[in-house]
Amino acid sequence: MHKGDKESKALFEVSQRSPFWIDVATVGSIGLGVAEAVLGGLGNSNALLANATENLENITYGLDSIAARSEQNRKLNHRLRRWAGALITTAALYVCGSSVYDLVRHDYPTVPAEFAGLSLGSAMLDGAIAMGLNKHANPGTTHRDAFRHSAADTISSVISAGAIVASAHGYPTIDAYSGIGLSVWTIVMTFPTNSRIKKADNLFLTTFDHSQPTN
């Protein structure tokens, strides 16, 4: 088998072996992201909003897993992933800008300490998902992307919880700084995933086109 064939096979080895954990990671992360976005807005917590974007960013590998199960929709799927990535990046930039604005004005909202419970719950779920994905996380697979993101989400959720508690106990700048750091982290994490998915798409389209019968 040529090197290109091996690479292609590795890139296309996505969710056939264990679609359950990919689906759990996608649905769970989106659910947590929406809940954190709502409560983060209500509680004026930049850290919680930043963690929400980190969780919502996981929709990219969820869409990639769907594409692997329905290859004929890969072009449309790739377009959807780009749109999702653009929206998530825009949201992360907004949270980052909001955090900078608070720091510049020295005007910090009071964040309820109980909102840290959601971040801790997110950390526990993300950690469980990462453990479930780990045994399938071979290099070049969607499972590896999902594992990497779930592990990062676990860490960011713990940071978010700590920032909320610190803010509620008289250290509001920590929430703002966490909002900046976690937002930048989300944006940085997006690029390696998109690069790998784009490479997989290009290899698939080339292989698929060459495999079609010619008249």
C-alpha atoms as a PDB file:
ATOM      1  CA  MET A   1       0.000   0.000   0.000  1.00  0.00           C
ATOM      2  CA  HIS A   2       1.403   3.398  -0.993  1.00  0.00           C
ATOM      3  CA  LYS A   3       1.970   6.148   1.562  1.00  0.00           C
ATOM      4  CA  GLY A   4      -0.866   8.218   0.089  1.00  0.00           C
ATOM      5  CA  ASP A   5      -3.267   5.278   0.343  1.00  0.00           C
ATOM      6  CA  LYS A   6      -2.334   4.721   3.993  1.00  0.00           C
ATOM      7  CA  GLU A   7      -2.805   8.398   4.778  1.00  0.00           C
ATOM      8  CA  SER A   8      -6.134   8.432   2.992  1.00  0.00           C
ATOM      9  CA  LYS A   9      -7.300   5.359   4.893  1.00  0.00           C
ATOM     10  CA  ALA A  10      -6.273   6.915   8.214  1.00  0.00           C
ATOM     11  CA  LEU A  11      -8.038  10.165   7.428  1.00  0.00           C
ATOM     12  CA  PHE A  12     -11.254   8.400   6.458  1.00  0.00           C
ATOM     13  CA  GLU A  13     -11.253   6.138   9.523  1.00  0.00           C
ATOM     14  CA  VAL A  14     -13.759   8.273  11.394  1.00  0.00           C
ATOM     15  CA  SER A  15     -16.847   7.136  13.245  1.00  0.00           C
ATOM     16  CA  GLN A  16     -17.690   3.661  11.931  1.00  0.00           C
ATOM     17  CA  ARG A  17     -16.198   1.802  14.931  1.00  0.00           C
ATOM     18  CA  SER A  18     -17.800   3.824  17.720  1.00  0.00           C
ATOM     19  CA  PRO A  19     -20.285   6.447  16.511  1.00  0.00           C
ATOM     20  CA  PHE A  20     -21.865   6.428  19.976  1.00  0.00           C
ATOM     21  CA  TRP A  21     -19.099   8.454  21.631  1.00  0.00           C
ATOM     22  CA  ILE A  22     -18.879  10.931  18.749  1.00  0.00           C
ATOM     23  CA  ASP A  23     -22.642  11.503  18.966  1.00  0.00           C
ATOM     24  CA  VAL A  24     -22.540  11.830  22.765  1.00  0.00           C
ATOM     25  CA  ALA A  25     -19.642  14.281  22.510  1.00  0.00           C
ATOM     26  CA  THR A  26     -21.444  16.374  19.901  1.00  0.00           C
ATOM     27  CA  VAL A  27     -24.905  16.449  21.477  1.00  0.00           C
ATOM     28  CA  GLY A  28     -23.561  16.800  25.013  1.00  0.00           C
ATOM     29  CA  SER A  29     -21.205  19.629  24.116  1.00  0.00           C
ATOM     30  CA  ILE A  30     -23.856  21.542  22.179  1.00  0.00           C
ATOM     31  CA  GLY A  31     -26.358  21.143  25.021  1.00  0.00           C
ATOM     32  CA  LEU A  32     -23.825  22.379  27.557  1.00  0.00           C
ATOM     33  CA  GLY A  33     -22.765  25.207  25.269  1.00  0.00           C
ATOM     34  CA  VAL A  34     -26.320  26.487  24.877  1.00  0.00           C
ATOM     35  CA  ALA A  35     -26.982  26.247  28.633  1.00  0.00           C
ATOM     36  CA  GLU A  36     -23.735  28.052  29.430  1.00  0.00           C
ATOM     37  CA  ALA A  37     -24.459  30.747  26.849  1.00  0.00           C
ATOM     38  CA  VAL A  38     -27.877  31.435  28.392  1.00  0.00           C
ATOM     39  CA  LEU A  39     -26.684  31.415  32.011  1.00  0.00           C
ATOM     40  CA  GLY A  40     -23.487  33.232  31.111  1.00  0.00           C
ATOM     41  CA  GLY A  41     -25.573  36.018  29.606  1.00  0.00           C
ATOM     42  CA  LEU A  42     -27.916  36.120  32.596  1.00  0.00           C
ATOM     43  CA  GLY A  43     -25.032  36.065  35.064  1.00  0.00           C
ATOM     44  CA  ASN A  44     -22.778  38.387  33.040  1.00  0.00           C
ATOM     45  CA  SER A  45     -19.933  35.897  33.256  1.00  0.00           C
ATOM     46  CA  ASN A  46     -17.360  36.235  30.487  1.00  0.00           C
ATOM     47  CA  ALA A  47     -15.680  33.021  31.618  1.00  0.00           C
ATOM     48  CA  LEU A  48     -18.914  31.043  31.296  1.00  0.00           C
ATOM     49  CA  LEU A  49     -19.670  32.584  27.895  1.00  0.00           C
ATOM     50  CA  ALA A  50     -16.142  31.752  26.711  1.00  0.00           C
ATOM     51  CA  ASN A  51     -16.561  28.181  27.904  1.00  0.00           C
ATOM     52  CA  ALA A  52     -19.857  28.044  26.009  1.00  0.00           C
ATOM     53  CA  THR A  53     -18.092  28.865  22.735  1.00  0.00           C
ATOM     54  CA  GLU A  54     -15.463  26.212  23.525  1.00  0.00           C
ATOM     55  CA  ASN A  55     -18.196  23.598  23.884  1.00  0.00           C
ATOM     56  CA  LEU A  56     -20.141  24.767  20.825  1.00  0.00           C
ATOM     57  CA  GLU A  57     -16.991  24.580  18.700  1.00  0.00           C
ATOM     58  CA  ASN A  58     -17.278  20.805  18.931  1.00  0.00           C
ATOM     59  CA  ILE A  59     -20.023  20.877  16.301  1.00  0.00           C
ATOM     60  CA  THR A  60     -17.246  20.785  13.689  1.00  0.00           C
ATOM     61  CA  TYR A  61     -16.163  17.213  14.427  1.00  0.00           C
ATOM     62  CA  GLY A  62     -19.802  16.199  14.836  1.00  0.00           C
ATOM     63  CA  LEU A  63     -20.486  17.369  11.292  1.00  0.00           C
ATOM     64  CA  ASP A  64     -17.337  15.593  10.130  1.00  0.00           C
ATOM     65  CA  SER A  65     -18.638  12.360  11.645  1.00  0.00           C
ATOM     66  CA  ILE A  66     -21.947  12.797   9.811  1.00  0.00           C
ATOM     67  CA  ALA A  67     -20.042  13.321   6.578  1.00  0.00           C
ATOM     68  CA  ALA A  68     -18.167  10.072   7.136  1.00  0.00           C
ATOM     69  CA  ARG A  69     -21.462   8.197   7.290  1.00  0.00           C
ATOM     70  CA  SER A  70     -22.879   9.930   4.212  1.00  0.00           C
ATOM     71  CA  GLU A  71     -19.967  10.680   1.920  1.00  0.00           C
ATOM     72  CA  GLN A  72     -22.116  12.032  -0.918  1.00  0.00           C
ATOM     73  CA  ASN A  73     -22.972  15.075   1.238  1.00  0.00           C
ATOM     74  CA  ARG A  74     -19.367  15.958   2.014  1.00  0.00           C
ATOM     75  CA  LYS A  75     -19.228  19.180  -0.052  1.00  0.00           C
ATOM     76  CA  LEU A  76     -22.310  20.613   1.652  1.00  0.00           C
ATOM     77  CA  ASN A  77     -21.070  19.332   4.995  1.00  0.00           C
ATOM     78  CA  HIS A  78     -17.737  21.094   4.521  1.00  0.00           C
ATOM     79  CA  ARG A  79     -19.573  24.348   3.775  1.00  0.00           C
ATOM     80  CA  LEU A  80     -21.646  23.952   6.940  1.00  0.00           C
ATOM     81  CA  ARG A  81     -18.508  23.375   8.998  1.00  0.00           C
ATOM     82  CA  ARG A  82     -16.952  26.550   7.633  1.00  0.00           C
ATOM     83  CA  TRP A  83     -20.069  28.552   8.493  1.00  0.00           C
ATOM     84  CA  ALA A  84     -20.202  27.009  11.976  1.00  0.00           C
ATOM     85  CA  GLY A  85     -16.519  27.744  12.518  1.00  0.00           C
ATOM     86  CA  ALA A  86     -16.983  31.358  11.401  1.00  0.00           C
ATOM     87  CA  LEU A  87     -19.933  31.868  13.764  1.00  0.00           C
ATOM     88  CA  ILE A  88     -18.116  30.301  16.715  1.00  0.00           C
ATOM     89  CA  THR A  89     -14.991  32.349  16.043  1.00  0.00           C
ATOM     90  CA  THR A  90     -17.127  35.511  15.862  1.00  0.00           C
ATOM     91  CA  ALA A  91     -18.770  34.621  19.182  1.00  0.00           C
ATOM     92  CA  ALA A  92     -15.375  33.996  20.784  1.00  0.00           C
ATOM     93  CA  LEU A  93     -14.108  37.351  19.511  1.00  0.00           C
ATOM     94  CA  TYR A  94     -17.202  39.035  20.965  1.00  0.00           C
ATOM     95  CA  VAL A  95     -16.602  37.496  24.392  1.00  0.00           C
ATOM     96  CA  CYS A  96     -12.942  38.463  24.218  1.00  0.00           C
ATOM     97  CA  GLY A  97     -13.888  42.039  23.290  1.00  0.00           C
ATOM     98  CA  SER A  98     -16.451  42.197  26.094  1.00  0.00           C
ATOM     99  CA  SER A  99     -13.832  41.053  28.592  1.00  0.00           C
ATOM    100  CA  VAL A 100     -11.348  43.674  27.398  1.00  0.00           C
ATOM    101  CA  TYR A 101     -14.084  46.312  27.615  1.00  0.00           C
ATOM    102  CA  ASP A 102     -14.772  45.404  31.253  1.00  0.00           C
ATOM    103  CA  LEU A 103     -11.076  45.599  32.097  1.00  0.00           C
ATOM    104  CA  VAL A 104     -10.647  48.973  30.407  1.00  0.00           C
ATOM    105  CA  ARG A 105     -13.688  50.487  32.133  1.00  0.00           C
ATOM    106  CA  HIS A 106     -13.041  48.770  35.474  1.00  0.00           C
ATOM    107  CA  ASP A 107     -16.752  48.018  35.514  1.00  0.00           C
ATOM    108  CA  TYR A 108     -17.319  44.413  36.489  1.00  0.00           C
ATOM    109  CA  PRO A 109     -20.721  42.726  36.905  1.00  0.00           C
ATOM    110  CA  THR A 110     -21.399  40.527  39.902  1.00  0.00           C
ATOM    111  CA  VAL A 111     -21.395  36.875  38.872  1.00  0.00           C
ATOM    112  CA  PRO A 112     -23.464  34.493  41.044  1.00  0.00           C
ATOM    113  CA  ALA A 113     -21.210  31.830  42.585  1.00  0.00           C
ATOM    114  CA  GLU A 114     -23.784  29.095  41.998  1.00  0.00           C
ATOM    115  CA  PHE A 115     -23.224  29.387  38.241  1.00  0.00           C
ATOM    116  CA  ALA A 116     -19.900  27.652  38.809  1.00  0.00           C
ATOM    117  CA  GLY A 117     -21.902  24.451  39.276  1.00  0.00           C
ATOM    118  CA  LEU A 118     -22.709  24.368  35.569  1.00  0.00           C
ATOM    119  CA  SER A 119     -19.040  24.650  34.675  1.00  0.00           C
ATOM    120  CA  LEU A 120     -18.156  21.855  37.080  1.00  0.00           C
ATOM    121  CA  GLY A 121     -20.918  19.697  35.604  1.00  0.00           C
ATOM    122  CA  SER A 122     -19.532  20.477  32.155  1.00  0.00           C
ATOM    123  CA  ALA A 123     -16.054  19.437  33.290  1.00  0.00           C
ATOM    124  CA  MET A 124     -17.360  16.102  34.567  1.00  0.00           C
ATOM    125  CA  LEU A 125     -19.267  15.347  31.347  1.00  0.00           C
ATOM    126  CA  ASP A 126     -16.412  16.444  29.094  1.00  0.00           C
ATOM    127  CA  GLY A 127     -13.994  14.346  31.122  1.00  0.00           C
ATOM    128  CA  ALA A 128     -16.224  11.276  30.795  1.00  0.00           C
ATOM    129  CA  ILE A 129     -16.533  11.856  27.039  1.00  0.00           C
ATOM    130  CA  ALA A 130     -12.759  12.229  26.683  1.00  0.00           C
ATOM    131  CA  MET A 131     -12.248   8.906  28.483  1.00  0.00           C
ATOM    132  CA  GLY A 132     -14.781   7.209  26.200  1.00  0.00           C
ATOM    133  CA  LEU A 133     -13.135   8.613  23.069  1.00  0.00           C
ATOM    134  CA  ASN A 134      -9.569   7.899  24.151  1.00  0.00           C
ATOM    135  CA  LYS A 135      -9.471   4.216  23.182  1.00  0.00           C
ATOM    136  CA  HIS A 136     -10.608   5.071  19.637  1.00  0.00           C
ATOM    137  CA  ALA A 137      -8.462   8.198  19.225  1.00  0.00           C
ATOM    138  CA  ASN A 138      -6.040   6.964  16.560  1.00  0.00           C
ATOM    139  CA  PRO A 139      -4.029   9.657  14.729  1.00  0.00           C
ATOM    140  CA  GLY A 140      -5.849  11.131  11.749  1.00  0.00           C
ATOM    141  CA  THR A 141      -9.339  10.225  12.928  1.00  0.00           C
ATOM    142  CA  THR A 142     -12.338  12.259  14.002  1.00  0.00           C
ATOM    143  CA  HIS A 143     -12.106  10.469  17.350  1.00  0.00           C
ATOM    144  CA  ARG A 144      -8.679  12.081  17.878  1.00  0.00           C
ATOM    145  CA  ASP A 145     -10.131  15.540  17.176  1.00  0.00           C
ATOM    146  CA  ALA A 146     -13.088  14.859  19.468  1.00  0.00           C
ATOM    147  CA  PHE A 147     -10.811  13.539  22.235  1.00  0.00           C
ATOM    148  CA  ARG A 148      -8.509  16.552  21.965  1.00  0.00           C
ATOM    149  CA  HIS A 149     -11.420  18.974  22.144  1.00  0.00           C
ATOM    150  CA  SER A 150     -13.172  17.145  24.979  1.00  0.00           C
ATOM    151  CA  ALA A 151      -9.964  17.134  27.018  1.00  0.00           C
ATOM    152  CA  ALA A 152      -9.518  20.857  26.348  1.00  0.00           C
ATOM    153  CA  ASP A 153     -13.163  21.471  27.275  1.00  0.00           C
ATOM    154  CA  THR A 154     -12.618  19.696  30.588  1.00  0.00           C
ATOM    155  CA  ILE A 155      -9.730  22.004  31.439  1.00  0.00           C
ATOM    156  CA  SER A 156     -11.543  25.157  30.276  1.00  0.00           C
ATOM    157  CA  SER A 157     -14.636  24.215  32.306  1.00  0.00           C
ATOM    158  CA  VAL A 158     -12.545  23.899  35.477  1.00  0.00           C
ATOM    159  CA  ILE A 159     -10.934  27.275  34.737  1.00  0.00           C
ATOM    160  CA  SER A 160     -14.362  28.797  34.124  1.00  0.00           C
ATOM    161  CA  ALA A 161     -15.697  27.460  37.431  1.00  0.00           C
ATOM    162  CA  GLY A 162     -12.694  28.835  39.309  1.00  0.00           C
ATOM    163  CA  ALA A 163     -13.083  32.233  37.649  1.00  0.00           C
ATOM    164  CA  ILE A 164     -16.770  32.425  38.597  1.00  0.00           C
ATOM    165  CA  VAL A 165     -16.059  31.551  42.231  1.00  0.00           C
ATOM    166  CA  ALA A 166     -13.222  34.084  42.352  1.00  0.00           C
ATOM    167  CA  SER A 167     -15.429  36.768  40.814  1.00  0.00           C
ATOM    168  CA  ALA A 168     -18.206  36.118  43.320  1.00  0.00           C
ATOM    169  CA  HIS A 169     -15.711  36.468  46.190  1.00  0.00           C
ATOM    170  CA  GLY A 170     -14.321  39.866  45.243  1.00  0.00           C
ATOM    171  CA  TYR A 171     -11.937  39.170  42.361  1.00  0.00           C
ATOM    172  CA  PRO A 172     -13.959  40.143  39.256  1.00  0.00           C
ATOM    173  CA  THR A 173     -10.914  40.695  37.051  1.00  0.00           C
ATOM    174  CA  ILE A 174     -10.264  36.942  37.045  1.00  0.00           C
ATOM    175  CA  ASP A 175     -13.572  36.378  35.220  1.00  0.00           C
ATOM    176  CA  ALA A 176     -12.595  38.969  32.613  1.00  0.00           C
ATOM    177  CA  TYR A 177      -9.089  37.586  32.124  1.00  0.00           C
ATOM    178  CA  SER A 178     -10.491  34.068  31.864  1.00  0.00           C
ATOM    179  CA  GLY A 179     -12.936  35.303  29.229  1.00  0.00           C
ATOM    180  CA  ILE A 180     -10.002  36.556  27.164  1.00  0.00           C
ATOM    181  CA  GLY A 181      -7.836  33.474  27.653  1.00  0.00           C
ATOM    182  CA  LEU A 182     -10.565  30.906  26.983  1.00  0.00           C
ATOM    183  CA  SER A 183     -11.801  32.809  23.920  1.00  0.00           C
ATOM    184  CA  VAL A 184      -8.315  32.860  22.407  1.00  0.00           C
ATOM    185  CA  TRP A 185      -7.954  29.165  23.251  1.00  0.00           C
ATOM    186  CA  THR A 186     -11.194  28.370  21.409  1.00  0.00           C
ATOM    187  CA  ILE A 187     -10.046  30.207  18.294  1.00  0.00           C
ATOM    188  CA  VAL A 188      -6.614  28.564  18.353  1.00  0.00           C
ATOM    189  CA  MET A 189      -8.147  25.105  18.812  1.00  0.00           C
ATOM    190  CA  THR A 190     -10.371  25.615  15.761  1.00  0.00           C
ATOM    191  CA  PHE A 191      -7.589  25.872  13.186  1.00  0.00           C
ATOM    192  CA  PRO A 192      -5.896  22.426  13.555  1.00  0.00           C
ATOM    193  CA  THR A 193      -9.276  20.680  13.347  1.00  0.00           C
ATOM    194  CA  ASN A 194     -10.369  22.635  10.282  1.00  0.00           C
ATOM    195  CA  SER A 195      -7.002  22.008   8.624  1.00  0.00           C
ATOM    196  CA  ARG A 196      -7.235  18.246   9.160  1.00  0.00           C
ATOM    197  CA  ILE A 197     -10.851  18.112   7.992  1.00  0.00           C
ATOM    198  CA  LYS A 198     -10.019  20.128   4.878  1.00  0.00           C
ATOM    199  CA  LYS A 199      -7.195  17.709   4.095  1.00  0.00           C
ATOM    200  CA  ALA A 200      -9.545  14.762   4.526  1.00  0.00           C
ATOM    201  CA  ASP A 201     -12.110  16.403   2.258  1.00  0.00           C
ATOM    202  CA  ASN A 202      -9.549  17.038  -0.461  1.00  0.00           C
ATOM    203  CA  LEU A 203      -8.314  13.445  -0.317  1.00  0.00           C
ATOM    204  CA  PHE A 204     -11.858  12.128  -0.382  1.00  0.00           C
ATOM    205  CA  LEU A 205     -12.919  14.263  -3.331  1.00  0.00           C
ATOM    206  CA  THR A 206      -9.816  13.236  -5.279  1.00  0.00           C
ATOM    207  CA  THR A 207     -10.314   9.543  -4.476  1.00  0.00           C
ATOM    208  CA  PHE A 208     -14.053   9.698  -5.078  1.00  0.00           C
ATOM    209  CA  ASP A 209     -13.671  11.446  -8.442  1.00  0.00           C
ATOM    210  CA  HIS A 210     -11.010   8.998  -9.605  1.00  0.00           C
ATOM    211  CA  SER A 211     -13.115   6.035  -8.569  1.00  0.00           C
ATOM    212  CA  GLN A 212     -16.088   7.078 -10.702  1.00  0.00           C
ATOM    213  CA  PRO A 213     -16.532   5.197 -13.996  1.00  0.00           C
ATOM    214  CA  THR A 214     -15.772   7.165 -17.122  1.00  0.00           C
ATOM    215  CA  ASN A 215     -17.695   6.886 -20.391  1.00  0.00           C
END
